[in-house]
Amino acid sequence: MRNSGKAPTFVVWVISLVLFLVALAAQFGLVRIPEPFATWSWIIGFGLLLAACRIRGL
């Protein structure tokens, strides 16, 4: 199947999901991740997902 819509590809979706899970685990104290990395994982994951919805083929 070809990606004909504006939905993100599976790879981008998985990367965003992993970044979200890292940030979520850091927020609730399940893992110790330094603060800049935990905050930036939210920002990068969400920004990547938003960009993938607008840029065809990403």
PDB file of N, CA and C in Angstrom:
ATOM      1  N   MET A   1       0.841  -1.188   0.000  1.00  0.00           N
ATOM      2  CA  MET A   1       0.000   0.000   0.000  1.00  0.00           C
ATOM      3  C   MET A   1       0.877   1.239   0.000  1.00  0.00           C
ATOM      4  N   ARG A   2       0.446   2.198  -0.756  1.00  0.00           N
ATOM      5  CA  ARG A   2       1.187   3.453  -0.821  1.00  0.00           C
ATOM      6  C   ARG A   2       0.607   4.443   0.169  1.00  0.00           C
ATOM      7  N   ASN A   3       1.473   5.295   0.678  1.00  0.00           N
ATOM      8  CA  ASN A   3       1.046   6.335   1.603  1.00  0.00           C
ATOM      9  C   ASN A   3       0.525   7.506   0.785  1.00  0.00           C
ATOM     10  N   SER A   4      -0.788   7.539   0.553  1.00  0.00           N
ATOM     11  CA  SER A   4      -1.342   8.570  -0.316  1.00  0.00           C
ATOM     12  C   SER A   4      -1.917   9.750   0.464  1.00  0.00           C
ATOM     13  N   GLY A   5      -2.122   9.590   1.757  1.00  0.00           N
ATOM     14  CA  GLY A   5      -2.700  10.664   2.557  1.00  0.00           C
ATOM     15  C   GLY A   5      -1.629  11.479   3.253  1.00  0.00           C
ATOM     16  N   LYS A   6      -2.049  12.196   4.268  1.00  0.00           N
ATOM     17  CA  LYS A   6      -1.111  13.020   5.024  1.00  0.00           C
ATOM     18  C   LYS A   6      -0.771  12.399   6.370  1.00  0.00           C
ATOM     19  N   ALA A   7      -1.129  11.146   6.567  1.00  0.00           N
ATOM     20  CA  ALA A   7      -0.793  10.475   7.819  1.00  0.00           C
ATOM     21  C   ALA A   7       0.705  10.181   7.863  1.00  0.00           C
ATOM     22  N   PRO A   8       1.303  10.214   9.055  1.00  0.00           N
ATOM     23  CA  PRO A   8       2.730   9.913   9.158  1.00  0.00           C
ATOM     24  C   PRO A   8       3.005   8.447   8.812  1.00  0.00           C
ATOM     25  N   THR A   9       4.220   8.199   8.346  1.00  0.00           N
ATOM     26  CA  THR A   9       4.600   6.821   8.057  1.00  0.00           C
ATOM     27  C   THR A   9       4.748   6.060   9.360  1.00  0.00           C
ATOM     28  N   PHE A  10       4.804   4.754   9.254  1.00  0.00           N
ATOM     29  CA  PHE A  10       4.885   3.904  10.442  1.00  0.00           C
ATOM     30  C   PHE A  10       6.172   4.167  11.222  1.00  0.00           C
ATOM     31  N   VAL A  11       7.272   4.404  10.523  1.00  0.00           N
ATOM     32  CA  VAL A  11       8.555   4.645  11.189  1.00  0.00           C
ATOM     33  C   VAL A  11       8.499   5.919  12.027  1.00  0.00           C
ATOM     34  N   VAL A  12       7.952   6.987  11.461  1.00  0.00           N
ATOM     35  CA  VAL A  12       7.835   8.252  12.198  1.00  0.00           C
ATOM     36  C   VAL A  12       6.902   8.081  13.392  1.00  0.00           C
ATOM     37  N   TRP A  13       5.841   7.324  13.201  1.00  0.00           N
ATOM     38  CA  TRP A  13       4.894   7.092  14.284  1.00  0.00           C
ATOM     39  C   TRP A  13       5.558   6.331  15.428  1.00  0.00           C
ATOM     40  N   VAL A  14       6.373   5.331  15.110  1.00  0.00           N
ATOM     41  CA  VAL A  14       7.060   4.553  16.143  1.00  0.00           C
ATOM     42  C   VAL A  14       8.096   5.405  16.873  1.00  0.00           C
ATOM     43  N   ILE A  15       8.837   6.219  16.149  1.00  0.00           N
ATOM     44  CA  ILE A  15       9.820   7.101  16.786  1.00  0.00           C
ATOM     45  C   ILE A  15       9.125   8.070  17.738  1.00  0.00           C
ATOM     46  N   SER A  16       8.010   8.651  17.313  1.00  0.00           N
ATOM     47  CA  SER A  16       7.263   9.561  18.171  1.00  0.00           C
ATOM     48  C   SER A  16       6.725   8.837  19.401  1.00  0.00           C
ATOM     49  N   LEU A  17       6.273   7.607  19.217  1.00  0.00           N
ATOM     50  CA  LEU A  17       5.761   6.824  20.341  1.00  0.00           C
ATOM     51  C   LEU A  17       6.859   6.507  21.342  1.00  0.00           C
ATOM     52  N   VAL A  18       8.043   6.154  20.868  1.00  0.00           N
ATOM     53  CA  VAL A  18       9.161   5.860  21.767  1.00  0.00           C
ATOM     54  C   VAL A  18       9.560   7.108  22.546  1.00  0.00           C
ATOM     55  N   LEU A  19       9.635   8.246  21.867  1.00  0.00           N
ATOM     56  CA  LEU A  19       9.968   9.497  22.563  1.00  0.00           C
ATOM     57  C   LEU A  19       8.909   9.848  23.593  1.00  0.00           C
ATOM     58  N   PHE A  20       7.647   9.601  23.284  1.00  0.00           N
ATOM     59  CA  PHE A  20       6.566   9.850  24.232  1.00  0.00           C
ATOM     60  C   PHE A  20       6.695   8.945  25.451  1.00  0.00           C
ATOM     61  N   LEU A  21       6.992   7.677  25.231  1.00  0.00           N
ATOM     62  CA  LEU A  21       7.124   6.742  26.347  1.00  0.00           C
ATOM     63  C   LEU A  21       8.328   7.075  27.225  1.00  0.00           C
ATOM     64  N   VAL A  22       9.418   7.538  26.624  1.00  0.00           N
ATOM     65  CA  VAL A  22      10.582   7.971  27.399  1.00  0.00           C
ATOM     66  C   VAL A  22      10.214   9.161  28.276  1.00  0.00           C
ATOM     67  N   ALA A  23       9.533  10.137  27.702  1.00  0.00           N
ATOM     68  CA  ALA A  23       9.135  11.321  28.470  1.00  0.00           C
ATOM     69  C   ALA A  23       8.133  10.959  29.558  1.00  0.00           C
ATOM     70  N   LEU A  24       7.218  10.059  29.268  1.00  0.00           N
ATOM     71  CA  LEU A  24       6.225   9.636  30.254  1.00  0.00           C
ATOM     72  C   LEU A  24       6.881   8.891  31.412  1.00  0.00           C
ATOM     73  N   ALA A  25       7.810   8.013  31.099  1.00  0.00           N
ATOM     74  CA  ALA A  25       8.518   7.280  32.149  1.00  0.00           C
ATOM     75  C   ALA A  25       9.349   8.220  33.017  1.00  0.00           C
ATOM     76  N   ALA A  26       9.956   9.222  32.416  1.00  0.00           N
ATOM     77  CA  ALA A  26      10.734  10.195  33.177  1.00  0.00           C
ATOM     78  C   ALA A  26       9.822  11.065  34.040  1.00  0.00           C
ATOM     79  N   GLN A  27       8.664  11.413  33.534  1.00  0.00           N
ATOM     80  CA  GLN A  27       7.731  12.265  34.276  1.00  0.00           C
ATOM     81  C   GLN A  27       7.243  11.586  35.545  1.00  0.00           C
ATOM     82  N   PHE A  28       6.952  10.299  35.461  1.00  0.00           N
ATOM     83  CA  PHE A  28       6.429   9.571  36.613  1.00  0.00           C
ATOM     84  C   PHE A  28       7.512   8.885  37.436  1.00  0.00           C
ATOM     85  N   GLY A  29       8.765   9.108  37.094  1.00  0.00           N
ATOM     86  CA  GLY A  29       9.870   8.600  37.896  1.00  0.00           C
ATOM     87  C   GLY A  29      10.152   7.121  37.738  1.00  0.00           C
ATOM     88  N   LEU A  30       9.719   6.522  36.660  1.00  0.00           N
ATOM     89  CA  LEU A  30       9.992   5.103  36.439  1.00  0.00           C
ATOM     90  C   LEU A  30      11.444   4.864  36.054  1.00  0.00           C
ATOM     91  N   VAL A  31      12.034   5.823  35.364  1.00  0.00           N
ATOM     92  CA  VAL A  31      13.450   5.784  35.007  1.00  0.00           C
ATOM     93  C   VAL A  31      14.048   7.155  35.294  1.00  0.00           C
ATOM     94  N   ARG A  32      15.335   7.157  35.578  1.00  0.00           N
ATOM     95  CA  ARG A  32      16.012   8.429  35.845  1.00  0.00           C
ATOM     96  C   ARG A  32      16.658   8.926  34.552  1.00  0.00           C
ATOM     97  N   ILE A  33      16.046   9.958  33.999  1.00  0.00           N
ATOM     98  CA  ILE A  33      16.560  10.589  32.786  1.00  0.00           C
ATOM     99  C   ILE A  33      16.810  12.052  33.137  1.00  0.00           C
ATOM    100  N   PRO A  34      17.978  12.575  32.799  1.00  0.00           N
ATOM    101  CA  PRO A  34      18.240  13.986  33.105  1.00  0.00           C
ATOM    102  C   PRO A  34      17.162  14.891  32.505  1.00  0.00           C
ATOM    103  N   GLU A  35      16.872  15.954  33.194  1.00  0.00           N
ATOM    104  CA  GLU A  35      15.755  16.834  32.843  1.00  0.00           C
ATOM    105  C   GLU A  35      15.762  17.371  31.421  1.00  0.00           C
ATOM    106  N   PRO A  36      16.868  17.847  30.888  1.00  0.00           N
ATOM    107  CA  PRO A  36      16.766  18.363  29.507  1.00  0.00           C
ATOM    108  C   PRO A  36      16.319  17.297  28.511  1.00  0.00           C
ATOM    109  N   PHE A  37      16.759  16.059  28.692  1.00  0.00           N
ATOM    110  CA  PHE A  37      16.401  15.004  27.749  1.00  0.00           C
ATOM    111  C   PHE A  37      14.928  14.628  27.870  1.00  0.00           C
ATOM    112  N   ALA A  38      14.414  14.606  29.071  1.00  0.00           N
ATOM    113  CA  ALA A  38      13.003  14.276  29.267  1.00  0.00           C
ATOM    114  C   ALA A  38      12.105  15.341  28.645  1.00  0.00           C
ATOM    115  N   THR A  39      12.445  16.600  28.847  1.00  0.00           N
ATOM    116  CA  THR A  39      11.650  17.682  28.280  1.00  0.00           C
ATOM    117  C   THR A  39      11.747  17.708  26.760  1.00  0.00           C
ATOM    118  N   TRP A  40      12.949  17.543  26.246  1.00  0.00           N
ATOM    119  CA  TRP A  40      13.125  17.595  24.794  1.00  0.00           C
ATOM    120  C   TRP A  40      12.517  16.401  24.085  1.00  0.00           C
ATOM    121  N   SER A  41      12.365  15.280  24.774  1.00  0.00           N
ATOM    122  CA  SER A  41      11.720  14.143  24.121  1.00  0.00           C
ATOM    123  C   SER A  41      10.246  14.438  23.857  1.00  0.00           C
ATOM    124  N   TRP A  42       9.587  15.178  24.754  1.00  0.00           N
ATOM    125  CA  TRP A  42       8.213  15.620  24.488  1.00  0.00           C
ATOM    126  C   TRP A  42       8.176  16.531  23.268  1.00  0.00           C
ATOM    127  N   ILE A  43       9.051  17.515  23.277  1.00  0.00           N
ATOM    128  CA  ILE A  43       9.035  18.537  22.232  1.00  0.00           C
ATOM    129  C   ILE A  43       9.369  17.933  20.864  1.00  0.00           C
ATOM    130  N   ILE A  44      10.413  17.145  20.787  1.00  0.00           N
ATOM    131  CA  ILE A  44      10.821  16.570  19.508  1.00  0.00           C
ATOM    132  C   ILE A  44       9.801  15.559  19.004  1.00  0.00           C
ATOM    133  N   GLY A  45       9.284  14.720  19.890  1.00  0.00           N
ATOM    134  CA  GLY A  45       8.295  13.723  19.479  1.00  0.00           C
ATOM    135  C   GLY A  45       7.023  14.355  18.940  1.00  0.00           C
ATOM    136  N   PHE A  46       6.523  15.350  19.635  1.00  0.00           N
ATOM    137  CA  PHE A  46       5.298  16.019  19.193  1.00  0.00           C
ATOM    138  C   PHE A  46       5.537  16.824  17.919  1.00  0.00           C
ATOM    139  N   GLY A  47       6.674  17.517  17.845  1.00  0.00           N
ATOM    140  CA  GLY A  47       6.994  18.292  16.647  1.00  0.00           C
ATOM    141  C   GLY A  47       7.191  17.409  15.425  1.00  0.00           C
ATOM    142  N   LEU A  48       7.834  16.254  15.616  1.00  0.00           N
ATOM    143  CA  LEU A  48       8.018  15.319  14.515  1.00  0.00           C
ATOM    144  C   LEU A  48       6.680  14.788  14.019  1.00  0.00           C
ATOM    145  N   LEU A  49       5.789  14.475  14.943  1.00  0.00           N
ATOM    146  CA  LEU A  49       4.474  13.976  14.557  1.00  0.00           C
ATOM    147  C   LEU A  49       3.665  15.047  13.824  1.00  0.00           C
ATOM    148  N   LEU A  50       3.729  16.289  14.285  1.00  0.00           N
ATOM    149  CA  LEU A  50       3.030  17.375  13.610  1.00  0.00           C
ATOM    150  C   LEU A  50       3.605  17.633  12.221  1.00  0.00           C
ATOM    151  N   ALA A  51       4.927  17.624  12.118  1.00  0.00           N
ATOM    152  CA  ALA A  51       5.567  17.850  10.816  1.00  0.00           C
ATOM    153  C   ALA A  51       5.240  16.710   9.851  1.00  0.00           C
ATOM    154  N   ALA A  52       5.187  15.493  10.358  1.00  0.00           N
ATOM    155  CA  ALA A  52       4.900  14.342   9.492  1.00  0.00           C
ATOM    156  C   ALA A  52       3.478  14.390   8.960  1.00  0.00           C
ATOM    157  N   CYS A  53       2.577  15.016   9.698  1.00  0.00           N
ATOM    158  CA  CYS A  53       1.197  15.141   9.221  1.00  0.00           C
ATOM    159  C   CYS A  53       1.078  16.175   8.105  1.00  0.00           C
ATOM    160  N   ARG A  54       2.007  17.096   8.035  1.00  0.00           N
ATOM    161  CA  ARG A  54       1.939  18.153   7.017  1.00  0.00           C
ATOM    162  C   ARG A  54       2.824  17.864   5.806  1.00  0.00           C
ATOM    163  N   ILE A  55       3.924  17.156   5.990  1.00  0.00           N
ATOM    164  CA  ILE A  55       4.876  16.892   4.921  1.00  0.00           C
ATOM    165  C   ILE A  55       4.598  15.503   4.351  1.00  0.00           C
ATOM    166  N   ARG A  56       4.258  15.450   3.111  1.00  0.00           N
ATOM    167  CA  ARG A  56       3.928  14.172   2.473  1.00  0.00           C
ATOM    168  C   ARG A  56       5.180  13.298   2.374  1.00  0.00           C
ATOM    169  N   GLY A  57       5.040  12.039   2.760  1.00  0.00           N
ATOM    170  CA  GLY A  57       6.129  11.086   2.646  1.00  0.00           C
ATOM    171  C   GLY A  57       7.054  11.019   3.830  1.00  0.00           C
ATOM    172  N   LEU A  58       6.813  11.787   4.863  1.00  0.00           N
ATOM    173  CA  LEU A  58       7.695  11.769   6.044  1.00  0.00           C
ATOM    174  C   LEU A  58       7.219  10.755   7.039  1.00  0.00           C
TER     175      LEU A  58
END
